[in-house]
Amino acid sequence: MCHNITFTIHKIFETAFAPLAIDIDAAPPENTYTDLTAGAESARFYQIELE
């Protein structure tokens, strides 16, 4: 079954959200992404955009 859904993950940098990963193909029923730029020292905030 092809849904043709992609998404973009935005991560907050300083004071604004910026793209972290763009045009990721969705793979229902579950999707995961590992942020390799994240350290263990603080909390992070992400925004998911369906395209």
Protein backbone atom coordinates (compact mmCIF):
# COMPACT_ATOMS: atom_id res chain seq x y z
CA MET A 1 0.00 0.00 0.00
CA CYS A 2 1.51 3.34 -1.06
CA HIS A 3 0.48 6.45 0.86
CA ASN A 4 2.93 8.90 -0.77
CA ILE A 5 3.36 10.73 2.53
CA THR A 6 6.58 12.46 3.47
CA PHE A 7 7.47 14.51 6.49
CA THR A 8 10.04 17.02 7.66
CA ILE A 9 11.47 17.19 11.16
CA HIS A 10 12.29 20.62 12.54
CA LYS A 11 14.46 21.13 15.62
CA ILE A 12 14.70 24.26 17.68
CA PHE A 13 18.07 25.99 17.28
CA GLU A 14 18.68 28.99 19.53
CA THR A 15 15.22 30.66 19.32
CA ALA A 16 13.62 29.29 16.13
CA PHE A 17 12.78 25.98 14.47
CA ALA A 18 14.99 24.94 11.55
CA PRO A 19 14.83 21.83 9.33
CA LEU A 20 16.75 18.86 10.68
CA ALA A 21 15.63 16.22 8.14
CA ILE A 22 13.64 16.92 4.96
CA ASP A 23 11.39 14.77 2.73
CA ILE A 24 11.51 11.61 4.83
CA ASP A 25 9.30 8.87 3.36
CA ALA A 26 6.63 7.72 5.78
CA ALA A 27 6.52 3.99 6.54
CA PRO A 28 3.20 3.18 8.22
CA PRO A 29 2.28 2.18 10.85
CA GLU A 30 5.29 3.56 12.75
CA ASN A 31 8.18 5.89 11.94
CA THR A 32 11.34 6.63 13.87
CA TYR A 33 14.20 9.08 13.44
CA THR A 34 17.40 9.33 15.45
CA ASP A 35 18.82 12.81 15.90
CA LEU A 36 22.56 12.20 15.66
CA THR A 37 23.26 15.88 16.40
CA ALA A 38 21.69 15.69 19.87
CA GLY A 39 23.84 15.48 22.96
CA ALA A 40 22.75 14.24 26.36
CA GLU A 41 23.19 17.57 28.10
CA SER A 42 19.80 19.23 27.58
CA ALA A 43 16.17 18.88 26.51
CA ARG A 44 15.26 19.19 22.84
CA PHE A 45 12.09 20.28 21.07
CA TYR A 46 10.98 19.02 17.67
CA GLN A 47 8.21 19.87 15.23
CA ILE A 48 6.91 17.35 12.67
CA GLU A 49 5.47 18.64 9.38
CA LEU A 50 3.47 16.32 7.10
CA GLU A 51 3.83 17.05 3.41
